[in-house]
PDB file of N, CA and C in Angstrom:
ATOM      1  N   MET A   1       0.309  -1.132   0.503  1.00  0.00           N
ATOM      2  CA  MET A   1      -0.355   0.225  -0.282  1.00  0.00           C
ATOM      3  C   MET A   1       1.018   0.965   0.487  1.00  0.00           C
ATOM      4  N   LYS A   2       1.435   1.101   0.680  1.00  0.00           N
ATOM      5  CA  LYS A   2       2.633   2.460   0.799  1.00  0.00           C
ATOM      6  C   LYS A   2       3.198   3.038  -1.044  1.00  0.00           C
ATOM      7  N   LYS A   3       3.697   2.117  -1.798  1.00  0.00           N
ATOM      8  CA  LYS A   3       4.001   1.389  -2.840  1.00  0.00           C
ATOM      9  C   LYS A   3       2.975   2.209  -3.948  1.00  0.00           C
ATOM     10  N   LEU A   4       1.490   2.405  -3.416  1.00  0.00           N
ATOM     11  CA  LEU A   4       0.528   2.591  -3.639  1.00  0.00           C
ATOM     12  C   LEU A   4       0.376   4.496  -3.738  1.00  0.00           C
ATOM     13  N   VAL A   5       0.303   4.498  -2.981  1.00  0.00           N
ATOM     14  CA  VAL A   5       0.366   5.517  -2.532  1.00  0.00           C
ATOM     15  C   VAL A   5       1.721   6.363  -3.123  1.00  0.00           C
ATOM     16  N   LEU A   6       3.376   5.974  -2.313  1.00  0.00           N
ATOM     17  CA  LEU A   6       5.040   6.942  -2.701  1.00  0.00           C
ATOM     18  C   LEU A   6       4.304   6.228  -5.095  1.00  0.00           C
ATOM     19  N   SER A   7       4.035   6.148  -5.129  1.00  0.00           N
ATOM     20  CA  SER A   7       3.628   6.466  -6.695  1.00  0.00           C
ATOM     21  C   SER A   7       2.643   6.979  -7.133  1.00  0.00           C
ATOM     22  N   THR A   8       1.393   6.941  -6.779  1.00  0.00           N
ATOM     23  CA  THR A   8       0.759   7.831  -7.211  1.00  0.00           C
ATOM     24  C   THR A   8       0.195   9.706  -7.182  1.00  0.00           C
ATOM     25  N   ALA A   9       1.897   9.079  -5.735  1.00  0.00           N
ATOM     26  CA  ALA A   9       2.402  11.324  -4.605  1.00  0.00           C
ATOM     27  C   ALA A   9       3.448  11.026  -6.649  1.00  0.00           C
ATOM     28  N   LEU A  10       4.142  10.214  -6.775  1.00  0.00           N
ATOM     29  CA  LEU A  10       5.461  10.485  -8.367  1.00  0.00           C
ATOM     30  C   LEU A  10       4.600  11.338  -9.437  1.00  0.00           C
ATOM     31  N   LEU A  11       3.649   9.952  -9.490  1.00  0.00           N
ATOM     32  CA  LEU A  11       2.837  11.047 -10.743  1.00  0.00           C
ATOM     33  C   LEU A  11       2.476  11.686 -11.067  1.00  0.00           C
ATOM     34  N   LEU A  12       1.708  12.228  -9.445  1.00  0.00           N
ATOM     35  CA  LEU A  12       1.111  13.400  -9.141  1.00  0.00           C
ATOM     36  C   LEU A  12       2.387  15.071  -8.767  1.00  0.00           C
ATOM     37  N   VAL A  13       2.669  14.659  -8.464  1.00  0.00           N
ATOM     38  CA  VAL A  13       3.709  15.203  -8.368  1.00  0.00           C
ATOM     39  C   VAL A  13       5.464  15.087 -10.315  1.00  0.00           C
ATOM     40  N   LEU A  14       4.534  14.387 -11.323  1.00  0.00           N
ATOM     41  CA  LEU A  14       5.254  14.392 -12.737  1.00  0.00           C
ATOM     42  C   LEU A  14       4.230  15.295 -13.366  1.00  0.00           C
ATOM     43  N   SER A  15       3.104  15.342 -13.260  1.00  0.00           N
ATOM     44  CA  SER A  15       2.436  15.904 -13.930  1.00  0.00           C
ATOM     45  C   SER A  15       2.313  17.059 -14.276  1.00  0.00           C
ATOM     46  N   LEU A  16       2.156  17.145 -13.119  1.00  0.00           N
ATOM     47  CA  LEU A  16       1.815  18.681 -12.364  1.00  0.00           C
ATOM     48  C   LEU A  16       3.246  20.079 -12.476  1.00  0.00           C
ATOM     49  N   SER A  17       4.502  18.718 -12.450  1.00  0.00           N
ATOM     50  CA  SER A  17       5.721  20.041 -13.125  1.00  0.00           C
ATOM     51  C   SER A  17       5.450  20.214 -14.897  1.00  0.00           C
ATOM     52  N   PHE A  18       4.652  19.288 -15.368  1.00  0.00           N
ATOM     53  CA  PHE A  18       5.036  18.766 -16.982  1.00  0.00           C
ATOM     54  C   PHE A  18       3.774  20.136 -17.275  1.00  0.00           C
ATOM     55  N   THR A  19       2.616  20.071 -16.629  1.00  0.00           N
ATOM     56  CA  THR A  19       1.962  21.520 -17.013  1.00  0.00           C
ATOM     57  C   THR A  19       2.493  22.260 -16.810  1.00  0.00           C
ATOM     58  N   SER A  20       2.996  22.578 -15.764  1.00  0.00           N
ATOM     59  CA  SER A  20       3.659  24.304 -14.708  1.00  0.00           C
ATOM     60  C   SER A  20       4.446  24.069 -16.666  1.00  0.00           C
ATOM     61  N   CYS A  21       5.031  23.103 -16.776  1.00  0.00           N
ATOM     62  CA  CYS A  21       6.495  24.498 -18.284  1.00  0.00           C
ATOM     63  C   CYS A  21       5.164  24.945 -19.293  1.00  0.00           C
ATOM     64  N   ARG A  22       3.940  24.289 -19.593  1.00  0.00           N
ATOM     65  CA  ARG A  22       3.133  24.034 -20.866  1.00  0.00           C
ATOM     66  C   ARG A  22       2.461  25.502 -20.960  1.00  0.00           C
ATOM     67  N   ASP A  23       2.433  25.683 -18.981  1.00  0.00           N
ATOM     68  CA  ASP A  23       2.110  26.699 -18.402  1.00  0.00           C
ATOM     69  C   ASP A  23       2.817  28.085 -18.393  1.00  0.00           C
ATOM     70  N   THR A  24       4.875  28.889 -18.275  1.00  0.00           N
ATOM     71  CA  THR A  24       5.238  29.307 -18.869  1.00  0.00           C
ATOM     72  C   THR A  24       5.332  29.255 -19.867  1.00  0.00           C
ATOM     73  N   LYS A  25       4.937  28.132 -21.437  1.00  0.00           N
ATOM     74  CA  LYS A  25       4.921  28.682 -22.400  1.00  0.00           C
ATOM     75  C   LYS A  25       3.802  29.266 -23.321  1.00  0.00           C
ATOM     76  N   LYS A  26       3.074  29.124 -22.034  1.00  0.00           N
ATOM     77  CA  LYS A  26       1.808  29.854 -22.720  1.00  0.00           C
ATOM     78  C   LYS A  26       2.249  31.871 -21.717  1.00  0.00           C
ATOM     79  N   ALA A  27       2.519  31.472 -21.130  1.00  0.00           N
ATOM     80  CA  ALA A  27       2.930  32.893 -20.068  1.00  0.00           C
ATOM     81  C   ALA A  27       4.518  33.789 -21.354  1.00  0.00           C
ATOM     82  N   ASP A  28       4.339  33.509 -21.360  1.00  0.00           N
ATOM     83  CA  ASP A  28       5.695  33.693 -22.857  1.00  0.00           C
ATOM     84  C   ASP A  28       5.680  34.288 -24.386  1.00  0.00           C
ATOM     85  N   SER A  29       4.798  33.467 -24.803  1.00  0.00           N
ATOM     86  CA  SER A  29       3.651  34.093 -26.062  1.00  0.00           C
ATOM     87  C   SER A  29       2.969  34.929 -25.888  1.00  0.00           C
ATOM     88  N   ILE A  30       2.271  34.786 -24.379  1.00  0.00           N
ATOM     89  CA  ILE A  30       1.241  36.305 -24.391  1.00  0.00           C
ATOM     90  C   ILE A  30       1.826  37.341 -24.205  1.00  0.00           C
ATOM     91  N   GLU A  31       3.466  37.152 -22.982  1.00  0.00           N
ATOM     92  CA  GLU A  31       4.071  38.567 -23.048  1.00  0.00           C
ATOM     93  C   GLU A  31       4.536  39.128 -24.762  1.00  0.00           C
ATOM     94  N   GLU A  32       4.934  38.505 -25.708  1.00  0.00           N
ATOM     95  CA  GLU A  32       5.449  37.687 -26.852  1.00  0.00           C
ATOM     96  C   GLU A  32       4.065  38.968 -27.318  1.00  0.00           C
ATOM     97  N   ALA A  33       2.915  38.323 -27.032  1.00  0.00           N
ATOM     98  CA  ALA A  33       2.129  39.094 -27.493  1.00  0.00           C
ATOM     99  C   ALA A  33       1.682  40.714 -27.639  1.00  0.00           C
ATOM    100  N   VAL A  34       1.729  40.939 -26.072  1.00  0.00           N
ATOM    101  CA  VAL A  34       2.068  42.093 -25.494  1.00  0.00           C
ATOM    102  C   VAL A  34       2.584  42.564 -26.558  1.00  0.00           C
ATOM    103  N   GLU A  35       4.238  42.598 -26.436  1.00  0.00           N
ATOM    104  CA  GLU A  35       5.119  43.032 -26.733  1.00  0.00           C
ATOM    105  C   GLU A  35       4.337  43.514 -28.831  1.00  0.00           C
ATOM    106  N   ASN A  36       4.407  42.496 -28.995  1.00  0.00           N
ATOM    107  CA  ASN A  36       3.453  43.337 -30.311  1.00  0.00           C
ATOM    108  C   ASN A  36       2.600  44.162 -30.328  1.00  0.00           C
ATOM    109  N   ALA A  37       1.933  43.908 -29.822  1.00  0.00           N
ATOM    110  CA  ALA A  37       0.835  44.647 -28.712  1.00  0.00           C
ATOM    111  C   ALA A  37       1.394  46.004 -29.071  1.00  0.00           C
ATOM    112  N   THR A  38       2.279  46.040 -28.176  1.00  0.00           N
ATOM    113  CA  THR A  38       2.294  47.906 -27.864  1.00  0.00           C
ATOM    114  C   THR A  38       3.551  48.652 -28.444  1.00  0.00           C
ATOM    115  N   GLU A  39       3.739  46.872 -29.557  1.00  0.00           N
ATOM    116  CA  GLU A  39       4.967  48.148 -30.087  1.00  0.00           C
ATOM    117  C   GLU A  39       3.987  48.290 -32.062  1.00  0.00           C
ATOM    118  N   LYS A  40       2.388  47.776 -31.682  1.00  0.00           N
ATOM    119  CA  LYS A  40       2.304  48.505 -33.053  1.00  0.00           C
ATOM    120  C   LYS A  40       0.884  49.265 -32.750  1.00  0.00           C
ATOM    121  N   ALA A  41       1.161  49.700 -31.248  1.00  0.00           N
ATOM    122  CA  ALA A  41       0.505  50.815 -30.581  1.00  0.00           C
ATOM    123  C   ALA A  41       1.439  52.001 -30.674  1.00  0.00           C
ATOM    124  N   ASN A  42       2.762  51.488 -30.795  1.00  0.00           N
ATOM    125  CA  ASN A  42       3.827  53.584 -30.262  1.00  0.00           C
ATOM    126  C   ASN A  42       3.564  53.275 -32.180  1.00  0.00           C
ATOM    127  N   ASP A  43       3.387  51.992 -33.258  1.00  0.00           N
ATOM    128  CA  ASP A  43       3.758  52.860 -34.902  1.00  0.00           C
ATOM    129  C   ASP A  43       3.099  53.097 -35.240  1.00  0.00           C
ATOM    130  N   ALA A  44       1.796  53.013 -34.815  1.00  0.00           N
ATOM    131  CA  ALA A  44       0.423  53.858 -34.746  1.00  0.00           C
ATOM    132  C   ALA A  44       0.273  55.510 -34.833  1.00  0.00           C
ATOM    133  N   ALA A  45       1.679  55.665 -32.840  1.00  0.00           N
ATOM    134  CA  ALA A  45       0.944  57.033 -32.211  1.00  0.00           C
ATOM    135  C   ALA A  45       2.034  57.792 -32.915  1.00  0.00           C
ATOM    136  N   GLU A  46       3.232  56.623 -32.942  1.00  0.00           N
ATOM    137  CA  GLU A  46       4.814  57.974 -34.870  1.00  0.00           C
ATOM    138  C   GLU A  46       3.411  58.180 -36.080  1.00  0.00           C
ATOM    139  N   VAL A  47       2.988  57.723 -36.396  1.00  0.00           N
ATOM    140  CA  VAL A  47       1.997  58.071 -37.500  1.00  0.00           C
ATOM    141  C   VAL A  47       1.630  58.994 -37.977  1.00  0.00           C
ATOM    142  N   ALA A  48       0.607  58.398 -36.024  1.00  0.00           N
ATOM    143  CA  ALA A  48      -0.218  59.875 -35.915  1.00  0.00           C
ATOM    144  C   ALA A  48       0.353  60.885 -36.069  1.00  0.00           C
ATOM    145  N   GLY A  49       1.272  60.640 -35.136  1.00  0.00           N
ATOM    146  CA  GLY A  49       1.634  62.416 -34.651  1.00  0.00           C
ATOM    147  C   GLY A  49       2.518  62.905 -36.269  1.00  0.00           C
ATOM    148  N   ASP A  50       2.701  62.199 -37.041  1.00  0.00           N
ATOM    149  CA  ASP A  50       3.693  62.737 -38.067  1.00  0.00           C
ATOM    150  C   ASP A  50       2.246  63.381 -39.472  1.00  0.00           C
ATOM    151  N   ALA A  51       1.228  62.490 -39.120  1.00  0.00           N
ATOM    152  CA  ALA A  51       0.162  63.191 -40.142  1.00  0.00           C
ATOM    153  C   ALA A  51      -0.390  64.245 -39.410  1.00  0.00           C
ATOM    154  N   VAL A  52      -0.547  65.122 -37.798  1.00  0.00           N
ATOM    155  CA  VAL A  52      -0.781  65.765 -36.614  1.00  0.00           C
ATOM    156  C   VAL A  52       0.594  66.851 -37.603  1.00  0.00           C
ATOM    157  N   GLU A  53       1.435  67.251 -37.724  1.00  0.00           N
ATOM    158  CA  GLU A  53       2.916  67.636 -37.667  1.00  0.00           C
ATOM    159  C   GLU A  53       2.736  67.986 -39.370  1.00  0.00           C
ATOM    160  N   ALA A  54       2.619  67.195 -39.954  1.00  0.00           N
ATOM    161  CA  ALA A  54       1.840  67.183 -41.341  1.00  0.00           C
ATOM    162  C   ALA A  54       0.785  68.151 -40.968  1.00  0.00           C
ATOM    163  N   ALA A  55      -0.421  67.933 -41.096  1.00  0.00           N
ATOM    164  CA  ALA A  55      -1.380  68.894 -41.267  1.00  0.00           C
ATOM    165  C   ALA A  55      -1.103  70.351 -40.692  1.00  0.00           C
ATOM    166  N   ALA A  56      -0.121  70.506 -39.754  1.00  0.00           N
ATOM    167  CA  ALA A  56      -0.351  71.455 -38.699  1.00  0.00           C
ATOM    168  C   ALA A  56       0.349  73.010 -40.340  1.00  0.00           C
ATOM    169  N   GLU A  57       1.812  71.957 -41.348  1.00  0.00           N
ATOM    170  CA  GLU A  57       2.834  72.602 -41.567  1.00  0.00           C
ATOM    171  C   GLU A  57       1.955  73.524 -42.457  1.00  0.00           C
ATOM    172  N   ALA A  58       1.291  72.392 -43.134  1.00  0.00           N
ATOM    173  CA  ALA A  58      -0.288  73.001 -44.068  1.00  0.00           C
ATOM    174  C   ALA A  58      -0.546  73.143 -43.685  1.00  0.00           C
ATOM    175  N   THR A  59      -1.221  74.120 -42.561  1.00  0.00           N
ATOM    176  CA  THR A  59      -2.629  75.073 -42.427  1.00  0.00           C
ATOM    177  C   THR A  59      -1.230  76.041 -42.288  1.00  0.00           C
ATOM    178  N   GLY A  60      -0.521  76.440 -41.990  1.00  0.00           N
ATOM    179  CA  GLY A  60       1.100  77.371 -41.409  1.00  0.00           C
ATOM    180  C   GLY A  60       0.647  77.704 -42.563  1.00  0.00           C
ATOM    181  N   ASP A  61       0.493  77.123 -43.442  1.00  0.00           N
ATOM    182  CA  ASP A  61       1.284  77.434 -44.912  1.00  0.00           C
ATOM    183  C   ASP A  61       0.939  78.652 -46.142  1.00  0.00           C
ATOM    184  N   ALA A  62      -0.931  78.082 -46.033  1.00  0.00           N
ATOM    185  CA  ALA A  62      -2.131  78.573 -45.896  1.00  0.00           C
ATOM    186  C   ALA A  62      -2.788  80.438 -45.052  1.00  0.00           C
ATOM    187  N   VAL A  63      -2.183  79.586 -43.842  1.00  0.00           N
ATOM    188  CA  VAL A  63      -2.307  81.294 -43.386  1.00  0.00           C
ATOM    189  C   VAL A  63      -1.536  82.012 -43.909  1.00  0.00           C
ATOM    190  N   GLU A  64      -0.345  81.881 -44.069  1.00  0.00           N
ATOM    191  CA  GLU A  64       0.935  82.844 -44.691  1.00  0.00           C
ATOM    192  C   GLU A  64       0.692  83.257 -46.112  1.00  0.00           C
ATOM    193  N   ASN A  65       0.015  82.154 -47.816  1.00  0.00           N
ATOM    194  CA  ASN A  65      -0.344  82.616 -48.252  1.00  0.00           C
ATOM    195  C   ASN A  65      -1.694  83.534 -48.646  1.00  0.00           C
ATOM    196  N   ALA A  66      -3.311  83.461 -47.213  1.00  0.00           N
ATOM    197  CA  ALA A  66      -3.171  83.819 -46.978  1.00  0.00           C
ATOM    198  C   ALA A  66      -3.299  85.165 -47.016  1.00  0.00           C
ATOM    199  N   VAL A  67      -2.019  85.457 -45.579  1.00  0.00           N
ATOM    200  CA  VAL A  67      -1.889  86.818 -45.362  1.00  0.00           C
ATOM    201  C   VAL A  67      -1.490  87.168 -46.738  1.00  0.00           C
ATOM    202  N   ASP A  68      -0.045  87.236 -47.803  1.00  0.00           N
ATOM    203  CA  ASP A  68       0.401  87.667 -48.518  1.00  0.00           C
ATOM    204  C   ASP A  68      -0.517  87.743 -49.353  1.00  0.00           C
ATOM    205  N   ALA A  69      -1.268  87.309 -49.782  1.00  0.00           N
ATOM    206  CA  ALA A  69      -2.522  87.417 -51.168  1.00  0.00           C
ATOM    207  C   ALA A  69      -4.205  88.524 -50.329  1.00  0.00           C
ATOM    208  N   ALA A  70      -4.099  88.754 -49.231  1.00  0.00           N
ATOM    209  CA  ALA A  70      -4.680  90.032 -49.230  1.00  0.00           C
ATOM    210  C   ALA A  70      -3.477  90.862 -48.927  1.00  0.00           C
ATOM    211  N   GLY A  71      -2.382  90.892 -48.428  1.00  0.00           N
ATOM    212  CA  GLY A  71      -1.199  92.019 -48.836  1.00  0.00           C
ATOM    213  C   GLY A  71      -1.775  92.630 -49.839  1.00  0.00           C
ATOM    214  N   GLU A  72      -1.383  92.307 -50.926  1.00  0.00           N
ATOM    215  CA  GLU A  72      -1.572  91.943 -52.463  1.00  0.00           C
ATOM    216  C   GLU A  72      -3.229  92.743 -52.716  1.00  0.00           C
ATOM    217  N   ALA A  73      -3.790  92.105 -51.931  1.00  0.00           N
ATOM    218  CA  ALA A  73      -5.048  93.408 -52.126  1.00  0.00           C
ATOM    219  C   ALA A  73      -5.447  94.042 -51.519  1.00  0.00           C
ATOM    220  N   VAL A  74      -4.331  94.545 -50.582  1.00  0.00           N
ATOM    221  CA  VAL A  74      -3.848  95.822 -49.902  1.00  0.00           C
ATOM    222  C   VAL A  74      -3.715  96.485 -50.710  1.00  0.00           C
ATOM    223  N   ASN A  75      -2.206  96.062 -51.156  1.00  0.00           N
ATOM    224  CA  ASN A  75      -1.810  97.278 -51.726  1.00  0.00           C
ATOM    225  C   ASN A  75      -2.276  97.463 -53.495  1.00  0.00           C
ATOM    226  N   ALA A  76      -2.679  96.491 -54.660  1.00  0.00           N
ATOM    227  CA  ALA A  76      -3.936  96.865 -55.813  1.00  0.00           C
ATOM    228  C   ALA A  76      -4.945  97.867 -54.949  1.00  0.00           C
ATOM    229  N   ALA A  77      -5.484  97.495 -53.996  1.00  0.00           N
ATOM    230  CA  ALA A  77      -5.866  98.370 -53.545  1.00  0.00           C
ATOM    231  C   ALA A  77      -6.358  99.926 -53.665  1.00  0.00           C
ATOM    232  N   GLY A  78      -4.633  99.809 -53.302  1.00  0.00           N
ATOM    233  CA  GLY A  78      -3.883 101.341 -53.223  1.00  0.00           C
ATOM    234  C   GLY A  78      -3.930 102.243 -54.200  1.00  0.00           C
ATOM    235  N   ASN A  79      -3.335 101.224 -54.882  1.00  0.00           N
ATOM    236  CA  ASN A  79      -2.767 101.832 -56.490  1.00  0.00           C
ATOM    237  C   ASN A  79      -3.665 102.261 -56.790  1.00  0.00           C
ATOM    238  N   ALA A  80      -5.519 101.288 -56.439  1.00  0.00           N
ATOM    239  CA  ALA A  80      -6.964 101.384 -57.208  1.00  0.00           C
ATOM    240  C   ALA A  80      -6.915 103.097 -56.887  1.00  0.00           C
ATOM    241  N   ILE A  81      -6.445 103.459 -55.669  1.00  0.00           N
ATOM    242  CA  ILE A  81      -7.304 104.824 -55.441  1.00  0.00           C
ATOM    243  C   ILE A  81      -5.849 105.781 -55.991  1.00  0.00           C
ATOM    244  N   ASP A  82      -5.026 105.117 -55.449  1.00  0.00           N
ATOM    245  CA  ASP A  82      -4.114 106.027 -55.541  1.00  0.00           C
ATOM    246  C   ASP A  82      -4.291 106.622 -57.281  1.00  0.00           C
ATOM    247  N   ASP A  83      -4.235 105.973 -58.535  1.00  0.00           N
ATOM    248  CA  ASP A  83      -5.112 106.319 -59.598  1.00  0.00           C
ATOM    249  C   ASP A  83      -6.482 106.536 -59.803  1.00  0.00           C
ATOM    250  N   ALA A  84      -7.507 106.337 -59.321  1.00  0.00           N
ATOM    251  CA  ALA A  84      -8.879 107.335 -59.072  1.00  0.00           C
ATOM    252  C   ALA A  84      -8.438 108.872 -58.691  1.00  0.00           C
ATOM    253  N   VAL A  85      -7.333 108.743 -57.637  1.00  0.00           N
ATOM    254  CA  VAL A  85      -7.210 110.376 -57.535  1.00  0.00           C
ATOM    255  C   VAL A  85      -6.192 111.625 -58.409  1.00  0.00           C
ATOM    256  N   ASP A  86      -5.848 109.837 -58.771  1.00  0.00           N
ATOM    257  CA  ASP A  86      -4.813 111.479 -59.774  1.00  0.00           C
ATOM    258  C   ASP A  86      -5.879 111.354 -61.340  1.00  0.00           C
ATOM    259  N   ALA A  87      -7.060 110.530 -61.092  1.00  0.00           N
ATOM    260  CA  ALA A  87      -7.585 111.100 -62.602  1.00  0.00           C
ATOM    261  C   ALA A  87      -8.484 112.310 -61.881  1.00  0.00           C
ATOM    262  N   THR A  88      -9.281 111.706 -60.691  1.00  0.00           N
ATOM    263  CA  THR A  88      -9.945 113.322 -60.536  1.00  0.00           C
ATOM    264  C   THR A  88      -8.884 114.009 -60.434  1.00  0.00           C
ATOM    265  N   GLU A  89      -8.289 114.553 -59.810  1.00  0.00           N
ATOM    266  CA  GLU A  89      -7.845 115.905 -60.495  1.00  0.00           C
ATOM    267  C   GLU A  89      -6.913 116.525 -61.656  1.00  0.00           C
ATOM    268  N   GLU A  90      -6.963 114.854 -62.140  1.00  0.00           N
ATOM    269  CA  GLU A  90      -7.410 115.380 -64.210  1.00  0.00           C
ATOM    270  C   GLU A  90      -8.012 115.937 -64.600  1.00  0.00           C
ATOM    271  N   ALA A  91      -9.557 115.499 -64.102  1.00  0.00           N
ATOM    272  CA  ALA A  91     -10.161 115.977 -64.242  1.00  0.00           C
ATOM    273  C   ALA A  91     -10.628 117.351 -63.683  1.00  0.00           C
ATOM    274  N   VAL A  92     -10.355 117.689 -62.925  1.00  0.00           N
ATOM    275  CA  VAL A  92     -10.720 118.643 -61.796  1.00  0.00           C
ATOM    276  C   VAL A  92     -10.117 120.040 -62.618  1.00  0.00           C
ATOM    277  N   LYS A  93      -8.611 119.594 -62.719  1.00  0.00           N
ATOM    278  CA  LYS A  93      -7.988 120.304 -63.762  1.00  0.00           C
ATOM    279  C   LYS A  93      -8.486 121.290 -64.689  1.00  0.00           C
ATOM    280  N   ASP A  94      -9.514 120.265 -66.559  1.00  0.00           N
ATOM    281  CA  ASP A  94      -8.978 120.289 -66.680  1.00  0.00           C
ATOM    282  C   ASP A  94     -11.108 121.188 -66.361  1.00  0.00           C
ATOM    283  N   ALA A  95     -10.887 121.236 -66.056  1.00  0.00           N
ATOM    284  CA  ALA A  95     -13.036 121.745 -65.866  1.00  0.00           C
ATOM    285  C   ALA A  95     -12.268 123.117 -65.151  1.00  0.00           C
ATOM    286  N   SER A  96     -12.296 123.688 -64.266  1.00  0.00           N
ATOM    287  CA  SER A  96     -11.554 124.396 -63.564  1.00  0.00           C
ATOM    288  C   SER A  96     -10.872 125.520 -65.398  1.00  0.00           C
ATOM    289  N   GLU A  97      -9.640 124.331 -65.485  1.00  0.00           N
ATOM    290  CA  GLU A  97      -9.503 125.198 -67.647  1.00  0.00           C
ATOM    291  C   GLU A  97     -10.826 125.479 -68.567  1.00  0.00           C
ATOM    292  N   SER A  98     -11.426 124.679 -68.852  1.00  0.00           N
ATOM    293  CA  SER A  98     -12.372 125.251 -69.228  1.00  0.00           C
ATOM    294  C   SER A  98     -14.079 125.866 -68.724  1.00  0.00           C
ATOM    295  N   ALA A  99     -13.801 126.477 -67.173  1.00  0.00           N
ATOM    296  CA  ALA A  99     -14.669 126.824 -66.621  1.00  0.00           C
ATOM    297  C   ALA A  99     -14.273 128.594 -66.980  1.00  0.00           C
ATOM    298  N   SER A 100     -12.078 128.377 -67.100  1.00  0.00           N
ATOM    299  CA  SER A 100     -10.964 129.587 -67.343  1.00  0.00           C
ATOM    300  C   SER A 100     -11.948 130.554 -68.267  1.00  0.00           C
ATOM    301  N   ASP A 101     -11.430 128.882 -69.166  1.00  0.00           N
ATOM    302  CA  ASP A 101     -11.823 129.516 -70.379  1.00  0.00           C
ATOM    303  C   ASP A 101     -13.322 130.255 -70.838  1.00  0.00           C
ATOM    304  N   ALA A 102     -14.256 129.708 -70.137  1.00  0.00           N
ATOM    305  CA  ALA A 102     -15.592 129.926 -70.793  1.00  0.00           C
ATOM    306  C   ALA A 102     -16.569 131.442 -69.591  1.00  0.00           C
ATOM    307  N   VAL A 103     -14.973 131.764 -68.629  1.00  0.00           N
ATOM    308  CA  VAL A 103     -15.325 133.021 -67.600  1.00  0.00           C
ATOM    309  C   VAL A 103     -14.929 134.026 -68.700  1.00  0.00           C
ATOM    310  N   ASP A 104     -13.207 133.311 -69.077  1.00  0.00           N
ATOM    311  CA  ASP A 104     -12.647 134.039 -70.570  1.00  0.00           C
ATOM    312  C   ASP A 104     -13.950 134.925 -71.719  1.00  0.00           C
ATOM    313  N   SER A 105     -13.873 134.291 -71.973  1.00  0.00           N
ATOM    314  CA  SER A 105     -14.606 134.116 -73.440  1.00  0.00           C
ATOM    315  C   SER A 105     -15.809 135.664 -72.793  1.00  0.00           C
ATOM    316  N   ALA A 106     -16.291 134.975 -71.994  1.00  0.00           N
ATOM    317  CA  ALA A 106     -17.617 135.225 -71.815  1.00  0.00           C
ATOM    318  C   ALA A 106     -17.217 136.844 -71.346  1.00  0.00           C
ATOM    319  N   ALA A 107     -15.834 137.080 -70.916  1.00  0.00           N
ATOM    320  CA  ALA A 107     -15.233 138.552 -70.733  1.00  0.00           C
ATOM    321  C   ALA A 107     -14.888 139.348 -71.635  1.00  0.00           C
ATOM    322  N   ASP A 108     -14.655 138.554 -72.526  1.00  0.00           N
ATOM    323  CA  ASP A 108     -14.047 139.480 -73.947  1.00  0.00           C
ATOM    324  C   ASP A 108     -15.327 139.642 -74.835  1.00  0.00           C
ATOM    325  N   ALA A 109     -16.219 138.512 -75.045  1.00  0.00           N
ATOM    326  CA  ALA A 109     -18.607 139.100 -75.392  1.00  0.00           C
ATOM    327  C   ALA A 109     -19.653 140.196 -74.502  1.00  0.00           C
ATOM    328  N   ALA A 110     -18.485 140.230 -73.188  1.00  0.00           N
ATOM    329  CA  ALA A 110     -19.262 140.932 -72.321  1.00  0.00           C
ATOM    330  C   ALA A 110     -18.118 142.263 -72.974  1.00  0.00           C
ATOM    331  N   LYS A 111     -17.407 142.410 -73.256  1.00  0.00           N
ATOM    332  CA  LYS A 111     -16.502 144.043 -73.259  1.00  0.00           C
ATOM    333  C   LYS A 111     -16.621 144.048 -75.020  1.00  0.00           C
ATOM    334  N   LYS A 112     -17.011 143.169 -75.978  1.00  0.00           N
ATOM    335  CA  LYS A 112     -17.817 144.292 -76.815  1.00  0.00           C
ATOM    336  C   LYS A 112     -18.972 144.326 -77.333  1.00  0.00           C
ATOM    337  N   LYS A 113     -19.101 143.715 -76.696  1.00  0.00           N
ATOM    338  CA  LYS A 113     -21.097 144.554 -76.011  1.00  0.00           C
ATOM    339  C   LYS A 113     -21.236 145.524 -75.641  1.00  0.00           C
ATOM    340  N   ILE A 114     -19.883 146.329 -74.654  1.00  0.00           N
ATOM    341  CA  ILE A 114     -19.718 147.443 -73.948  1.00  0.00           C
ATOM    342  C   ILE A 114     -19.380 148.340 -75.337  1.00  0.00           C
ATOM    343  N   ASP A 115     -18.018 147.878 -75.521  1.00  0.00           N
ATOM    344  CA  ASP A 115     -17.713 148.816 -76.455  1.00  0.00           C
ATOM    345  C   ASP A 115     -19.175 149.234 -78.106  1.00  0.00           C
ATOM    346  N   GLU A 116     -19.264 148.444 -78.203  1.00  0.00           N
ATOM    347  CA  GLU A 116     -20.306 148.342 -79.526  1.00  0.00           C
ATOM    348  C   GLU A 116     -20.808 148.627 -78.665  1.00  0.00           C
ATOM    349  N   ALA A 117     -21.372 149.520 -77.893  1.00  0.00           N
ATOM    350  CA  ALA A 117     -23.130 149.780 -77.158  1.00  0.00           C
ATOM    351  C   ALA A 117     -22.415 151.034 -76.967  1.00  0.00           C
ATOM    352  N   ALA A 118     -21.145 151.516 -77.056  1.00  0.00           N
ATOM    353  CA  ALA A 118     -20.656 152.254 -76.543  1.00  0.00           C
ATOM    354  C   ALA A 118     -20.496 153.515 -78.368  1.00  0.00           C
ATOM    355  N   GLY A 119     -20.383 153.078 -78.966  1.00  0.00           N
ATOM    356  CA  GLY A 119     -20.190 152.978 -80.068  1.00  0.00           C
ATOM    357  C   GLY A 119     -18.349 153.016 -80.178  1.00  0.00           C
ATOM    358  N   HIS A 120     -18.609 152.681 -79.792  1.00  0.00           N
ATOM    359  CA  HIS A 120     -16.489 152.605 -80.501  1.00  0.00           C
ATOM    360  C   HIS A 120     -16.196 151.949 -81.354  1.00  0.00           C
TER     361      HIS A 120
END
């Protein structure tokens, strides 16, 4: 009977040690799977970070282009205003000269009428 109990205990210890080794292998493969998942998550985070950086650069470029375009529009408007002022000055000058010529002509005509009326 002692041999039977000892044999059963020996078989039980052997079976537990083999089962224990199998669990270690599973734990190792789970650890590897976790490491792989962590690496993939880090890679995905790096790709996302690169995408955010590229988007930020593109946004900065777009803002710079918009500012440049607005500056050019302001300059063009300023040039248009300068041209309008020049044209207005020229028109006023021409109108003034025409009015002066008309006054001179009217004065000459009045002088002639006065001379005719006076009998000269």
